[in-house]
Each structure stands twice: as structure tokens, then as C-alpha cells.
Amino acid sequence: MYQNSLPMAGMQQVKELLNVKVFQLNEYDAVAAFSLEEAKEWYMKHTGLNADEAFYDYESHEISGEEKIYEDERMEEMVSVNEIVESYWQGSPFIAVTSNC
């Protein structure tokens, strides 16, 4: 984690961020959460999809925090998955990466 980028963050927030992972749940979306189970549960509630619809024939897996993705649809700048989590984590799961725009 880029601890230098969080100089004002409390120790609890830094510890929490260290435990957040990003899970690719299907071919379109990856969710930041503490566990795969939490990510899947949150995703189904968020999207209203059931497990068959949400995950179909996809093998869910953790994405490396070092993996780089395009910041937006203009595809001009890339950011790491870690940077996304650090920027947007607010204590609960969220869609960190999507290709369904």
C-alpha cells in the first residue's frame, strides 16, 4: 500500500485498507471488499441479481493490487487497483473496476 499517500489517515483506516481486496466477480465487474463472500453478497444486493445471473460460468478471483487499469473510458491514464481502493474505500464494498459502461 502507498502509506505515504495517506498522511492524514488514522491508524485504523490504514489497517482497514491493508485488508481490503478486489475480487473480479464476472467478466464485467470487480468489487472491493474484505472477502470474496462479502463481495458476492454485496454485489447481489447492489445489482438485484441472483447468483446464477451475477456469476454464471465465471471463476471469481482476487485481482492484484498492482494491476493497472484505465482510469476512465478515454483510456488516457492508468491507475493501480491499490490506488482505486485508497481513493474510494469508505468502509464498505464498492464496484472498483467495471467494463460494462
N, C-alpha and C. Protein backbone atom coordinates (compact mmCIF):
# COMPACT_ATOMS: atom_id res chain seq x y z
N MET A 1 0.83 -1.17 0.00
CA MET A 1 0.00 0.00 0.00
C MET A 1 0.87 1.24 0.00
N TYR A 2 0.37 2.29 -0.56
CA TYR A 2 1.11 3.53 -0.63
C TYR A 2 0.83 4.34 0.62
N GLN A 3 1.49 3.99 1.73
CA GLN A 3 1.22 4.64 3.01
C GLN A 3 1.54 6.12 2.98
N ASN A 4 2.48 6.54 2.15
CA ASN A 4 2.81 7.95 2.06
C ASN A 4 1.66 8.77 1.49
N SER A 5 0.75 8.13 0.76
CA SER A 5 -0.36 8.87 0.17
C SER A 5 -1.48 9.10 1.18
N LEU A 6 -1.35 8.55 2.38
CA LEU A 6 -2.39 8.71 3.40
C LEU A 6 -1.84 9.34 4.67
N PRO A 7 -1.19 10.49 4.57
CA PRO A 7 -0.55 11.05 5.76
C PRO A 7 -1.53 11.47 6.85
N MET A 8 -2.75 11.80 6.51
CA MET A 8 -3.72 12.26 7.50
C MET A 8 -4.64 11.14 7.96
N ALA A 9 -4.52 9.98 7.38
CA ALA A 9 -5.40 8.86 7.75
C ALA A 9 -5.03 8.33 9.12
N GLY A 10 -6.03 7.92 9.87
CA GLY A 10 -5.80 7.32 11.17
C GLY A 10 -5.26 5.92 11.01
N MET A 11 -4.63 5.40 12.06
CA MET A 11 -4.05 4.07 12.02
C MET A 11 -5.09 3.00 11.71
N GLN A 12 -6.30 3.15 12.26
CA GLN A 12 -7.36 2.18 12.00
C GLN A 12 -7.71 2.14 10.51
N GLN A 13 -7.79 3.31 9.87
CA GLN A 13 -8.10 3.36 8.44
C GLN A 13 -7.00 2.69 7.62
N VAL A 14 -5.75 2.90 7.98
CA VAL A 14 -4.64 2.28 7.28
C VAL A 14 -4.70 0.76 7.43
N LYS A 15 -4.96 0.28 8.66
CA LYS A 15 -5.08 -1.16 8.89
C LYS A 15 -6.23 -1.74 8.08
N GLU A 16 -7.36 -1.03 8.04
CA GLU A 16 -8.52 -1.49 7.29
C GLU A 16 -8.18 -1.59 5.80
N LEU A 17 -7.54 -0.57 5.26
CA LEU A 17 -7.18 -0.57 3.84
C LEU A 17 -6.26 -1.73 3.49
N LEU A 18 -5.39 -2.10 4.40
CA LEU A 18 -4.48 -3.21 4.14
C LEU A 18 -5.22 -4.53 3.97
N ASN A 19 -6.43 -4.63 4.52
CA ASN A 19 -7.21 -5.86 4.45
C ASN A 19 -8.23 -5.88 3.33
N VAL A 20 -8.38 -4.78 2.62
CA VAL A 20 -9.33 -4.72 1.51
C VAL A 20 -8.69 -5.35 0.28
N LYS A 21 -9.46 -6.20 -0.38
CA LYS A 21 -9.01 -6.85 -1.61
C LYS A 21 -10.02 -6.53 -2.70
N VAL A 22 -9.64 -6.76 -3.93
CA VAL A 22 -10.56 -6.55 -5.04
C VAL A 22 -10.75 -7.88 -5.74
N PHE A 23 -12.02 -8.26 -5.93
CA PHE A 23 -12.37 -9.55 -6.49
C PHE A 23 -13.11 -9.37 -7.81
N GLN A 24 -12.58 -9.98 -8.87
CA GLN A 24 -13.26 -10.00 -10.16
C GLN A 24 -14.37 -11.03 -10.04
N LEU A 25 -15.62 -10.57 -10.10
CA LEU A 25 -16.76 -11.46 -9.85
C LEU A 25 -17.36 -12.04 -11.12
N ASN A 26 -17.23 -11.31 -12.21
CA ASN A 26 -17.71 -11.78 -13.51
C ASN A 26 -16.90 -11.07 -14.57
N GLU A 27 -17.25 -11.23 -15.83
CA GLU A 27 -16.40 -10.63 -16.87
C GLU A 27 -16.47 -9.11 -16.90
N TYR A 28 -17.42 -8.52 -16.16
CA TYR A 28 -17.58 -7.07 -16.19
C TYR A 28 -17.12 -6.34 -14.94
N ASP A 29 -17.42 -6.87 -13.77
CA ASP A 29 -17.26 -6.11 -12.53
C ASP A 29 -16.35 -6.76 -11.50
N ALA A 30 -15.60 -5.90 -10.82
CA ALA A 30 -14.76 -6.32 -9.69
C ALA A 30 -15.14 -5.46 -8.49
N VAL A 31 -15.25 -6.10 -7.33
CA VAL A 31 -15.72 -5.43 -6.12
C VAL A 31 -14.62 -5.42 -5.06
N ALA A 32 -14.45 -4.27 -4.42
CA ALA A 32 -13.54 -4.14 -3.28
C ALA A 32 -14.29 -4.56 -2.02
N ALA A 33 -13.70 -5.47 -1.26
CA ALA A 33 -14.32 -5.98 -0.03
C ALA A 33 -13.24 -6.69 0.79
N PHE A 34 -13.60 -7.11 2.00
CA PHE A 34 -12.66 -7.85 2.84
C PHE A 34 -12.54 -9.31 2.44
N SER A 35 -13.60 -9.87 1.82
CA SER A 35 -13.56 -11.28 1.43
C SER A 35 -14.38 -11.48 0.16
N LEU A 36 -14.15 -12.60 -0.50
CA LEU A 36 -14.91 -12.94 -1.70
C LEU A 36 -16.39 -13.09 -1.35
N GLU A 37 -16.68 -13.72 -0.23
CA GLU A 37 -18.07 -13.91 0.18
C GLU A 37 -18.77 -12.57 0.39
N GLU A 38 -18.09 -11.64 1.06
CA GLU A 38 -18.67 -10.31 1.28
C GLU A 38 -18.90 -9.60 -0.05
N ALA A 39 -17.93 -9.71 -0.97
CA ALA A 39 -18.05 -9.07 -2.28
C ALA A 39 -19.25 -9.62 -3.05
N LYS A 40 -19.41 -10.94 -3.05
CA LYS A 40 -20.53 -11.55 -3.77
C LYS A 40 -21.87 -11.15 -3.16
N GLU A 41 -21.97 -11.21 -1.84
CA GLU A 41 -23.22 -10.85 -1.16
C GLU A 41 -23.59 -9.40 -1.46
N TRP A 42 -22.63 -8.49 -1.34
CA TRP A 42 -22.88 -7.08 -1.60
C TRP A 42 -23.29 -6.87 -3.05
N TYR A 43 -22.61 -7.52 -3.97
CA TYR A 43 -22.89 -7.35 -5.40
C TYR A 43 -24.31 -7.79 -5.75
N MET A 44 -24.74 -8.91 -5.21
CA MET A 44 -26.10 -9.38 -5.50
C MET A 44 -27.14 -8.39 -4.95
N LYS A 45 -26.91 -7.86 -3.75
CA LYS A 45 -27.83 -6.87 -3.18
C LYS A 45 -27.81 -5.58 -4.01
N HIS A 46 -26.64 -5.16 -4.40
CA HIS A 46 -26.47 -3.91 -5.14
C HIS A 46 -27.11 -3.98 -6.53
N THR A 47 -26.93 -5.11 -7.21
CA THR A 47 -27.44 -5.24 -8.58
C THR A 47 -28.84 -5.82 -8.67
N GLY A 48 -29.27 -6.51 -7.61
CA GLY A 48 -30.56 -7.18 -7.65
C GLY A 48 -30.52 -8.50 -8.40
N LEU A 49 -29.34 -8.96 -8.77
CA LEU A 49 -29.19 -10.22 -9.48
C LEU A 49 -29.07 -11.38 -8.49
N ASN A 50 -29.48 -12.57 -8.92
CA ASN A 50 -29.23 -13.75 -8.10
C ASN A 50 -27.86 -14.31 -8.48
N ALA A 51 -27.40 -15.32 -7.79
CA ALA A 51 -26.05 -15.86 -8.01
C ALA A 51 -25.87 -16.37 -9.43
N ASP A 52 -26.87 -17.06 -9.98
CA ASP A 52 -26.75 -17.57 -11.35
C ASP A 52 -26.60 -16.45 -12.36
N GLU A 53 -27.35 -15.38 -12.17
CA GLU A 53 -27.29 -14.24 -13.09
C GLU A 53 -25.98 -13.45 -12.91
N ALA A 54 -25.56 -13.28 -11.68
CA ALA A 54 -24.40 -12.43 -11.39
C ALA A 54 -23.07 -13.09 -11.71
N PHE A 55 -22.98 -14.40 -11.46
CA PHE A 55 -21.67 -15.05 -11.56
C PHE A 55 -21.60 -16.15 -12.61
N TYR A 56 -22.74 -16.58 -13.14
CA TYR A 56 -22.89 -17.61 -14.16
C TYR A 56 -21.71 -18.55 -14.22
N ASP A 57 -21.03 -18.67 -15.35
CA ASP A 57 -19.92 -19.62 -15.51
C ASP A 57 -18.56 -18.94 -15.31
N TYR A 58 -18.46 -18.04 -14.37
CA TYR A 58 -17.21 -17.29 -14.18
C TYR A 58 -16.53 -17.72 -12.89
N GLU A 59 -15.24 -17.94 -12.96
CA GLU A 59 -14.43 -18.30 -11.79
C GLU A 59 -13.95 -17.00 -11.12
N SER A 60 -14.59 -16.61 -10.04
CA SER A 60 -14.21 -15.38 -9.34
C SER A 60 -12.80 -15.51 -8.78
N HIS A 61 -12.07 -14.38 -8.78
CA HIS A 61 -10.69 -14.41 -8.29
C HIS A 61 -10.27 -13.02 -7.81
N GLU A 62 -9.24 -13.01 -6.99
CA GLU A 62 -8.69 -11.76 -6.48
C GLU A 62 -7.80 -11.12 -7.54
N ILE A 63 -7.91 -9.81 -7.67
CA ILE A 63 -7.07 -9.05 -8.59
C ILE A 63 -5.88 -8.50 -7.80
N SER A 64 -4.71 -8.55 -8.38
CA SER A 64 -3.54 -7.98 -7.73
C SER A 64 -3.71 -6.47 -7.58
N GLY A 65 -3.31 -5.96 -6.42
CA GLY A 65 -3.37 -4.53 -6.18
C GLY A 65 -2.45 -3.74 -7.08
N GLU A 66 -1.46 -4.40 -7.64
CA GLU A 66 -0.51 -3.74 -8.53
C GLU A 66 -1.00 -3.66 -9.97
N GLU A 67 -2.06 -4.41 -10.28
CA GLU A 67 -2.59 -4.41 -11.65
C GLU A 67 -3.04 -3.01 -12.02
N LYS A 68 -2.72 -2.59 -13.23
CA LYS A 68 -3.08 -1.26 -13.70
C LYS A 68 -4.27 -1.36 -14.65
N ILE A 69 -5.18 -0.41 -14.50
CA ILE A 69 -6.34 -0.33 -15.39
C ILE A 69 -6.49 1.11 -15.84
N TYR A 70 -7.25 1.30 -16.91
CA TYR A 70 -7.50 2.67 -17.36
C TYR A 70 -8.41 3.38 -16.38
N GLU A 71 -8.09 4.64 -16.13
CA GLU A 71 -8.82 5.44 -15.15
C GLU A 71 -10.26 5.73 -15.59
N ASP A 72 -10.48 5.92 -16.87
CA ASP A 72 -11.82 6.19 -17.38
C ASP A 72 -11.92 5.74 -18.83
N GLU A 73 -13.08 5.99 -19.42
CA GLU A 73 -13.34 5.49 -20.78
C GLU A 73 -12.49 6.16 -21.86
N ARG A 74 -11.86 7.28 -21.55
CA ARG A 74 -10.96 7.93 -22.53
C ARG A 74 -9.68 7.12 -22.72
N MET A 75 -9.36 6.27 -21.76
CA MET A 75 -8.20 5.39 -21.78
C MET A 75 -6.90 6.15 -22.02
N GLU A 76 -6.74 7.25 -21.28
CA GLU A 76 -5.53 8.07 -21.40
C GLU A 76 -4.55 7.79 -20.27
N GLU A 77 -5.05 7.56 -19.05
CA GLU A 77 -4.18 7.33 -17.90
C GLU A 77 -4.56 6.04 -17.20
N MET A 78 -3.54 5.38 -16.65
CA MET A 78 -3.77 4.14 -15.93
C MET A 78 -3.50 4.36 -14.45
N VAL A 79 -4.25 3.65 -13.61
CA VAL A 79 -4.06 3.68 -12.16
C VAL A 79 -4.03 2.24 -11.67
N SER A 80 -3.41 2.03 -10.53
CA SER A 80 -3.38 0.68 -9.97
C SER A 80 -4.66 0.41 -9.19
N VAL A 81 -4.97 -0.85 -9.02
CA VAL A 81 -6.12 -1.26 -8.22
C VAL A 81 -5.95 -0.74 -6.79
N ASN A 82 -4.73 -0.76 -6.26
CA ASN A 82 -4.47 -0.21 -4.92
C ASN A 82 -4.87 1.26 -4.83
N GLU A 83 -4.54 2.04 -5.87
CA GLU A 83 -4.88 3.46 -5.86
C GLU A 83 -6.40 3.67 -5.86
N ILE A 84 -7.11 2.82 -6.56
CA ILE A 84 -8.58 2.91 -6.58
C ILE A 84 -9.13 2.67 -5.18
N VAL A 85 -8.65 1.61 -4.54
CA VAL A 85 -9.12 1.30 -3.18
C VAL A 85 -8.79 2.44 -2.23
N GLU A 86 -7.58 2.94 -2.28
CA GLU A 86 -7.18 4.03 -1.39
C GLU A 86 -8.02 5.28 -1.61
N SER A 87 -8.39 5.54 -2.85
CA SER A 87 -9.15 6.75 -3.17
C SER A 87 -10.63 6.65 -2.83
N TYR A 88 -11.21 5.46 -2.98
CA TYR A 88 -12.66 5.35 -2.89
C TYR A 88 -13.20 4.52 -1.73
N TRP A 89 -12.35 3.82 -1.00
CA TRP A 89 -12.84 2.99 0.11
C TRP A 89 -13.43 3.89 1.19
N GLN A 90 -14.68 3.57 1.59
CA GLN A 90 -15.34 4.32 2.66
C GLN A 90 -15.89 3.38 3.71
N GLY A 91 -15.25 2.22 3.85
CA GLY A 91 -15.64 1.30 4.90
C GLY A 91 -16.61 0.21 4.49
N SER A 92 -17.03 0.23 3.23
CA SER A 92 -17.95 -0.80 2.76
C SER A 92 -17.64 -1.14 1.30
N PRO A 93 -18.08 -2.32 0.85
CA PRO A 93 -17.78 -2.74 -0.53
C PRO A 93 -18.27 -1.74 -1.57
N PHE A 94 -17.60 -1.75 -2.72
CA PHE A 94 -18.00 -0.93 -3.86
C PHE A 94 -17.45 -1.56 -5.13
N ILE A 95 -18.04 -1.20 -6.28
CA ILE A 95 -17.53 -1.68 -7.56
C ILE A 95 -16.29 -0.87 -7.86
N ALA A 96 -15.14 -1.53 -7.83
CA ALA A 96 -13.86 -0.85 -8.01
C ALA A 96 -13.46 -0.80 -9.48
N VAL A 97 -13.84 -1.81 -10.24
CA VAL A 97 -13.47 -1.90 -11.66
C VAL A 97 -14.69 -2.40 -12.41
N THR A 98 -15.01 -1.73 -13.51
CA THR A 98 -16.10 -2.20 -14.36
C THR A 98 -15.75 -1.99 -15.82
N SER A 99 -16.21 -2.90 -16.65
CA SER A 99 -16.01 -2.72 -18.09
C SER A 99 -17.36 -2.72 -18.79
N ASN A 100 -18.43 -2.56 -18.00
CA ASN A 100 -19.78 -2.56 -18.54
C ASN A 100 -20.30 -1.14 -18.59
N CYS A 101 -19.64 -0.30 -19.38
CA CYS A 101 -20.03 1.12 -19.47
C CYS A 101 -20.92 1.37 -20.65
